[in-house]
Amino acid sequence: MESLAEAAEAMFAALALLANDFVEAWTLADGGFSSDQVASLQPAIFTQLDRQSAFESAGFVLTSDALTDRQRHLEWWQRGTNRTYQPLILDVEPGAADCYDYYSMEWFVAAVHRGHRFVSGPLIDLPCADVYIMTFSLPMSAGSVLLGVAAADVGLARFESSILPPLRHLGAPAVLLNREHRVISSNDPRWATGDRLRGIDANEHGEWQCVTEVGVQLGWTLAVAAG
């Protein structure tokens, strides 16, 4: 179980480095931080994409207090071909017909308004209909000013290289679930990614020999089948 939590902690450790870079740059700007200065932090994003093979994309998602020239801003980069990176361009202005309202996204709300890190998913990545992703988000603040989040979309196929070995090592059918009790990964073909398992907490029929929380503030549960 510790190995499962450690895999998640590695993702958050990378985001913490990104967050530190942003907060340091914002603080040095002494209240005059602009979207152009955010762009200067792109190398920090690329570094983490290089280091974390499970990251499909990553960046900064900002509050209205973060910048002097924009109310909302998304500095987000995704993997391209031949070790290149491409920006994700979305209209984030409220009222726009195709506005990407990240203020309504659970991974943003939890990090910014509740002040704790968050993992959402796995969900199907719409541009790549057969790819499951999880979004990891970490709040960024400077003193009492909430700046936004450092976040990454983590590809489950790559992330499973870290979580499948400890699941297989358990020696019994087991499944890793998110906070909605949907399957993240399993060592048994009965449970596919995205399936929702009901009755885990009650365990009325004694199907599970062990149901336990994984890590801190992950919202993950490990369930090991009986027999």
Protein backbone atom coordinates (compact mmCIF):
# COMPACT_ATOMS: atom_id res chain seq x y z
CA MET A 1 0.00 0.00 0.00
CA GLU A 2 2.88 2.38 0.74
CA SER A 3 4.17 1.87 -2.80
CA LEU A 4 0.79 2.95 -4.19
CA ALA A 5 0.90 6.15 -2.17
CA GLU A 6 4.53 6.74 -3.13
CA ALA A 7 3.60 6.67 -6.81
CA ALA A 8 1.12 9.48 -6.22
CA GLU A 9 3.56 11.39 -4.03
CA ALA A 10 6.07 11.41 -6.89
CA MET A 11 3.50 13.23 -9.04
CA PHE A 12 2.84 15.79 -6.32
CA ALA A 13 6.56 16.28 -5.69
CA ALA A 14 6.99 17.31 -9.32
CA LEU A 15 4.05 19.71 -9.02
CA ALA A 16 5.54 21.17 -5.84
CA LEU A 17 8.66 22.11 -7.81
CA LEU A 18 6.50 23.82 -10.42
CA ALA A 19 4.51 25.64 -7.75
CA ASN A 20 7.69 26.84 -6.03
CA ASP A 21 9.01 28.23 -9.32
CA PHE A 22 5.79 30.14 -9.90
CA VAL A 23 5.48 31.54 -6.38
CA GLU A 24 9.12 32.64 -6.38
CA ALA A 25 8.72 34.47 -9.70
CA TRP A 26 5.43 36.03 -8.62
CA THR A 27 6.93 37.25 -5.35
CA LEU A 28 9.96 38.79 -7.06
CA ALA A 29 7.63 40.71 -9.38
CA ASP A 30 6.26 42.51 -6.30
CA GLY A 31 2.64 42.61 -7.42
CA GLY A 32 3.35 43.26 -11.10
CA PHE A 33 3.17 39.75 -12.53
CA SER A 34 1.78 39.48 -16.08
CA SER A 35 0.90 36.72 -18.53
CA ASP A 36 4.17 37.38 -20.39
CA GLN A 37 6.07 36.62 -17.21
CA VAL A 38 4.11 33.40 -16.78
CA ALA A 39 5.29 32.43 -20.26
CA SER A 40 8.87 32.80 -19.04
CA LEU A 41 8.23 29.81 -16.76
CA GLN A 42 7.62 27.46 -19.68
CA PRO A 43 11.09 25.85 -19.27
CA ALA A 44 10.08 24.78 -15.75
CA ILE A 45 7.01 23.04 -17.19
CA PHE A 46 9.10 21.35 -19.89
CA THR A 47 11.58 20.14 -17.28
CA GLN A 48 8.87 18.31 -15.36
CA LEU A 49 7.37 16.88 -18.55
CA ASP A 50 10.85 15.58 -19.38
CA ARG A 51 11.34 14.07 -15.94
CA GLN A 52 7.88 12.62 -15.38
CA SER A 53 7.07 10.17 -18.14
CA ALA A 54 3.52 9.75 -16.79
CA PHE A 55 2.74 13.45 -17.36
CA GLU A 56 0.76 13.86 -20.57
CA SER A 57 0.48 17.61 -20.00
CA ALA A 58 1.11 20.11 -17.22
CA GLY A 59 1.12 23.76 -16.30
CA PHE A 60 -0.37 26.57 -14.26
CA VAL A 61 -4.07 27.43 -13.88
CA LEU A 62 -4.48 30.86 -12.31
CA THR A 63 -6.94 32.85 -10.23
CA SER A 64 -8.01 36.44 -10.83
CA ASP A 65 -5.50 37.63 -8.20
CA ALA A 66 -2.45 36.16 -9.91
CA LEU A 67 -1.94 38.49 -12.88
CA THR A 68 -2.14 42.20 -13.59
CA ASP A 69 -3.35 41.87 -17.19
CA ARG A 70 -5.81 38.96 -17.13
CA GLN A 71 -8.60 37.72 -14.89
CA ARG A 72 -8.01 34.11 -15.87
CA HIS A 73 -5.09 32.38 -17.49
CA LEU A 74 -4.10 28.85 -18.43
CA GLU A 75 -0.43 28.20 -19.14
CA TRP A 76 -0.66 24.57 -20.23
CA TRP A 77 1.63 22.44 -22.37
CA GLN A 78 1.18 18.93 -23.73
CA ARG A 79 3.44 16.40 -25.34
CA GLY A 80 3.97 16.69 -29.07
CA THR A 81 6.10 14.56 -31.37
CA ASN A 82 9.86 14.05 -31.27
CA ARG A 83 10.24 15.33 -27.69
CA THR A 84 8.51 18.61 -28.44
CA TYR A 85 5.70 20.32 -26.53
CA GLN A 86 2.61 22.12 -27.75
CA PRO A 87 0.50 24.74 -25.95
CA LEU A 88 -3.12 23.98 -25.17
CA ILE A 89 -5.10 26.99 -26.37
CA LEU A 90 -8.52 27.37 -24.74
CA ASP A 91 -10.85 30.33 -24.33
CA VAL A 92 -11.12 30.83 -20.57
CA GLU A 93 -12.95 34.17 -20.60
CA PRO A 94 -16.35 34.02 -18.84
CA GLY A 95 -19.22 34.57 -21.23
CA ALA A 96 -17.43 33.17 -24.26
CA ALA A 97 -19.49 30.68 -26.23
CA ASP A 98 -16.89 27.96 -25.85
CA CYS A 99 -15.48 29.06 -22.49
CA TYR A 100 -13.44 26.47 -20.63
CA ASP A 101 -14.63 27.32 -17.13
CA TYR A 102 -11.94 25.80 -14.98
CA TYR A 103 -13.41 27.55 -11.94
CA SER A 104 -16.10 24.85 -12.02
CA MET A 105 -13.65 21.94 -12.23
CA GLU A 106 -13.38 19.84 -9.09
CA TRP A 107 -9.58 19.68 -9.24
CA PHE A 108 -9.46 23.50 -9.25
CA VAL A 109 -12.17 24.06 -6.63
CA ALA A 110 -10.61 21.59 -4.20
CA ALA A 111 -7.14 23.04 -4.50
CA VAL A 112 -8.00 26.75 -4.52
CA HIS A 113 -11.12 27.02 -2.37
CA ARG A 114 -10.52 24.14 0.02
CA GLY A 115 -6.76 24.56 0.12
CA HIS A 116 -5.71 20.97 -0.40
CA ARG A 117 -4.23 18.92 -3.19
CA PHE A 118 -6.52 16.78 -5.28
CA VAL A 119 -6.64 13.87 -7.72
CA SER A 120 -9.55 13.54 -10.14
CA GLY A 121 -10.31 10.70 -12.52
CA PRO A 122 -9.56 8.45 -14.23
CA LEU A 123 -11.56 9.97 -17.07
CA ILE A 124 -11.44 9.50 -20.82
CA ASP A 125 -9.33 12.22 -22.43
CA LEU A 126 -11.68 13.60 -25.09
CA PRO A 127 -9.04 14.45 -27.72
CA CYS A 128 -7.73 10.87 -27.44
CA ALA A 129 -10.85 8.80 -26.86
CA ASP A 130 -9.02 5.68 -25.73
CA VAL A 131 -6.72 7.36 -23.20
CA TYR A 132 -7.54 7.50 -19.49
CA ILE A 133 -6.08 10.40 -17.53
CA MET A 134 -6.05 11.58 -13.94
CA THR A 135 -5.60 15.23 -13.05
CA PHE A 136 -3.32 15.99 -10.11
CA SER A 137 -3.56 19.54 -8.73
CA LEU A 138 -1.66 21.41 -6.03
CA PRO A 139 -2.63 24.84 -4.66
CA MET A 140 -0.25 27.78 -5.07
CA SER A 141 -0.30 30.76 -2.73
CA ALA A 142 1.94 33.62 -1.65
CA GLY A 143 1.04 34.59 1.89
CA SER A 144 -2.72 35.09 1.90
CA VAL A 145 -2.99 35.44 -1.89
CA LEU A 146 -4.37 32.41 -3.71
CA LEU A 147 -2.62 32.25 -7.06
CA GLY A 148 -4.07 29.10 -8.60
CA VAL A 149 -2.80 25.58 -9.06
CA ALA A 150 0.12 23.70 -10.50
CA ALA A 151 -1.41 20.68 -12.18
CA ALA A 152 -0.79 17.79 -14.53
CA ASP A 153 -2.81 15.34 -16.55
CA VAL A 154 -1.30 11.94 -15.80
CA GLY A 155 -1.75 9.19 -18.36
CA LEU A 156 -3.00 6.09 -16.61
CA ALA A 157 -1.30 3.73 -19.05
CA ARG A 158 2.09 5.15 -18.06
CA PHE A 159 1.23 5.61 -14.39
CA GLU A 160 0.27 1.94 -14.11
CA SER A 161 3.93 1.00 -14.43
CA SER A 162 4.24 2.34 -10.87
CA ILE A 163 1.01 1.02 -9.34
CA LEU A 164 0.52 -2.38 -10.98
CA PRO A 165 3.61 -4.07 -9.46
CA PRO A 166 2.51 -3.44 -5.84
CA LEU A 167 -1.02 -4.59 -6.71
CA ARG A 168 0.31 -7.82 -8.19
CA HIS A 169 2.57 -8.31 -5.19
CA LEU A 170 -0.47 -8.56 -2.90
CA GLY A 171 -1.06 -12.17 -3.94
CA ALA A 172 -4.86 -11.78 -3.99
CA PRO A 173 -7.36 -10.11 -6.33
CA ALA A 174 -7.25 -6.39 -5.54
CA VAL A 175 -8.50 -3.13 -6.95
CA LEU A 176 -7.48 0.50 -6.48
CA LEU A 177 -10.46 2.88 -6.41
CA ASN A 178 -10.93 6.63 -6.54
CA ARG A 179 -13.19 8.66 -4.25
CA GLU A 180 -16.27 7.71 -6.33
CA HIS A 181 -15.27 4.04 -6.04
CA ARG A 182 -14.40 3.88 -9.72
CA VAL A 183 -11.56 1.59 -10.71
CA ILE A 184 -8.16 3.19 -11.23
CA SER A 185 -6.31 -0.09 -11.66
CA SER A 186 -6.59 -3.74 -10.72
CA ASN A 187 -4.60 -6.96 -10.76
CA ASP A 188 -7.69 -8.92 -11.83
CA PRO A 189 -9.54 -8.71 -15.20
CA ARG A 190 -12.92 -8.69 -13.43
CA TRP A 191 -12.47 -4.98 -12.73
CA ALA A 192 -11.78 -2.63 -15.63
CA THR A 193 -10.66 0.98 -15.39
CA GLY A 194 -13.64 3.27 -14.95
CA ASP A 195 -15.97 0.57 -13.57
CA ARG A 196 -17.86 1.62 -10.45
CA LEU A 197 -17.91 -0.81 -7.53
CA ARG A 198 -20.83 -0.55 -5.13
CA GLY A 199 -21.08 -1.68 -1.54
CA ILE A 200 -17.36 -1.42 -0.84
CA ASP A 201 -17.77 0.40 2.47
CA ALA A 202 -20.58 -1.79 3.78
CA ASN A 203 -19.02 -5.07 2.60
CA GLU A 204 -22.31 -6.76 3.48
CA HIS A 205 -21.51 -10.05 1.79
CA GLY A 206 -17.94 -10.34 3.01
CA GLU A 207 -16.51 -10.01 -0.49
CA TRP A 208 -13.49 -8.06 0.73
CA GLN A 209 -10.91 -9.15 3.28
CA CYS A 210 -9.42 -5.67 3.44
CA VAL A 211 -10.67 -2.20 2.51
CA THR A 212 -8.28 0.60 3.42
CA GLU A 213 -7.49 4.21 2.57
CA VAL A 214 -4.37 4.83 0.51
CA GLY A 215 -2.15 7.79 1.30
CA VAL A 216 -3.22 11.25 2.44
CA GLN A 217 -5.71 13.46 0.56
CA LEU A 218 -5.75 11.14 -2.42
CA GLY A 219 -9.30 9.87 -2.03
CA TRP A 220 -8.07 6.40 -2.99
CA THR A 221 -9.15 3.08 -1.52
CA LEU A 222 -7.48 -0.30 -1.83
CA ALA A 223 -9.87 -3.25 -1.72
CA VAL A 224 -8.52 -6.81 -1.50
CA ALA A 225 -10.97 -9.59 -2.31
CA ALA A 226 -11.69 -12.38 0.15
CA GLY A 227 -10.88 -15.94 -0.80
